[in-house]
Amino acid sequence: MVRNPTGVTNTGGHGNNDRIGSCEGGTPTALTDTPIDTSATALPTAAAILASGGTASFCVVVGLSPDAPNSMQSKSTTLAFSIEAEQ
């Protein structure tokens, strides 16, 4: 996951099973190269602080381990963000 990327690429296609994406520029978050599972993973608070009225963009690329079993084919997942704010 990269915060405020300057560019995003998405090549290949689902039908060809060769979809590849990448994030250019920006600031890698603490989740870069971190294995994920079914439990929630929180970003460090400092990585998510925005000024009043500010915005941030995120680029997320998820890849399977080369050791992933064939049973992972045709599986899907959901990416969810929970935003907490205070004044």
Protein backbone atom coordinates (compact mmCIF):
# COMPACT_ATOMS: atom_id res chain seq x y z
CA MET A 1 0.00 0.00 0.00
CA VAL A 2 1.35 3.39 -1.02
CA ARG A 3 0.02 6.74 0.19
CA ASN A 4 -0.35 9.54 -2.37
CA PRO A 5 1.14 7.70 -5.35
CA THR A 6 2.29 9.76 -8.33
CA GLY A 7 1.32 7.01 -10.75
CA VAL A 8 -0.39 3.64 -10.96
CA THR A 9 0.00 0.97 -13.61
CA ASN A 10 -2.25 -1.99 -14.34
CA THR A 11 -1.16 -4.29 -17.14
CA GLY A 12 -2.38 -7.64 -18.35
CA GLY A 13 -5.91 -8.84 -17.85
CA HIS A 14 -8.07 -11.10 -15.76
CA GLY A 15 -8.95 -13.28 -18.73
CA ASN A 16 -5.28 -13.93 -19.47
CA ASN A 17 -4.42 -14.54 -15.80
CA ASP A 18 -1.55 -12.08 -16.13
CA ARG A 19 -2.81 -8.97 -14.36
CA ILE A 20 0.05 -7.05 -12.77
CA GLY A 21 -0.13 -3.70 -11.00
CA SER A 22 2.28 -1.32 -9.36
CA CYS A 23 2.33 1.99 -7.52
CA GLU A 24 4.87 4.66 -8.44
CA GLY A 25 6.11 7.42 -6.16
CA GLY A 26 4.32 8.26 -2.96
CA THR A 27 5.11 6.99 0.51
CA PRO A 28 5.05 3.24 1.24
CA THR A 29 3.03 2.45 4.35
CA ALA A 30 3.89 0.03 7.12
CA LEU A 31 1.96 -2.63 5.19
CA THR A 32 4.48 -2.83 2.34
CA ASP A 33 5.64 -6.44 1.86
CA THR A 34 3.63 -7.55 4.90
CA PRO A 35 1.74 -10.85 4.72
CA ILE A 36 -1.97 -10.36 5.34
CA ASP A 37 -4.62 -12.73 6.59
CA THR A 38 -8.29 -12.61 7.56
CA SER A 39 -7.74 -10.38 10.60
CA ALA A 40 -7.84 -6.59 10.40
CA THR A 41 -4.54 -4.82 9.90
CA ALA A 42 -4.35 -1.21 11.06
CA LEU A 43 -2.13 1.51 9.66
CA PRO A 44 -0.02 3.37 12.21
CA THR A 45 -1.86 6.46 13.41
CA ALA A 46 0.90 8.80 12.23
CA ALA A 47 0.54 7.47 8.67
CA ALA A 48 -3.11 8.46 8.50
CA ILE A 49 -3.18 11.98 9.97
CA LEU A 50 -4.78 14.55 7.64
CA ALA A 51 -5.15 18.27 8.02
CA SER A 52 -8.70 19.62 8.26
CA GLY A 53 -10.25 19.32 4.79
CA GLY A 54 -7.23 17.37 3.54
CA THR A 55 -7.26 14.33 1.30
CA ALA A 56 -5.04 11.33 0.69
CA SER A 57 -4.91 8.75 -2.08
CA PHE A 58 -3.85 5.14 -1.67
CA CYS A 59 -2.65 2.56 -4.17
CA VAL A 60 -3.05 -1.05 -3.05
CA VAL A 61 -1.44 -4.01 -4.81
CA VAL A 62 -1.96 -7.49 -3.38
CA GLY A 63 -0.10 -10.52 -4.64
CA LEU A 64 -0.16 -14.18 -3.77
CA SER A 65 2.90 -16.02 -2.60
CA PRO A 66 4.48 -18.22 -5.29
CA ASP A 67 3.77 -21.07 -2.84
CA ALA A 68 0.00 -20.43 -2.84
CA PRO A 69 -1.92 -23.66 -3.49
CA ASN A 70 -4.06 -24.17 -6.61
CA SER A 71 -7.14 -23.99 -4.36
CA MET A 72 -6.62 -20.19 -4.27
CA GLN A 73 -7.63 -19.90 -7.94
CA SER A 74 -10.88 -18.00 -8.55
CA LYS A 75 -10.99 -16.72 -4.96
CA SER A 76 -11.81 -13.12 -4.14
CA THR A 77 -11.48 -10.79 -1.20
CA THR A 78 -12.76 -7.45 0.01
CA LEU A 79 -10.67 -4.46 0.97
CA ALA A 80 -12.32 -2.26 3.58
CA PHE A 81 -11.28 1.02 5.14
CA SER A 82 -12.53 2.24 8.49
CA ILE A 83 -11.98 5.98 8.97
CA GLU A 84 -11.98 7.46 12.45
CA ALA A 85 -11.95 11.21 13.01
CA GLU A 86 -11.87 13.62 15.89
CA GLN A 87 -11.90 17.41 16.20
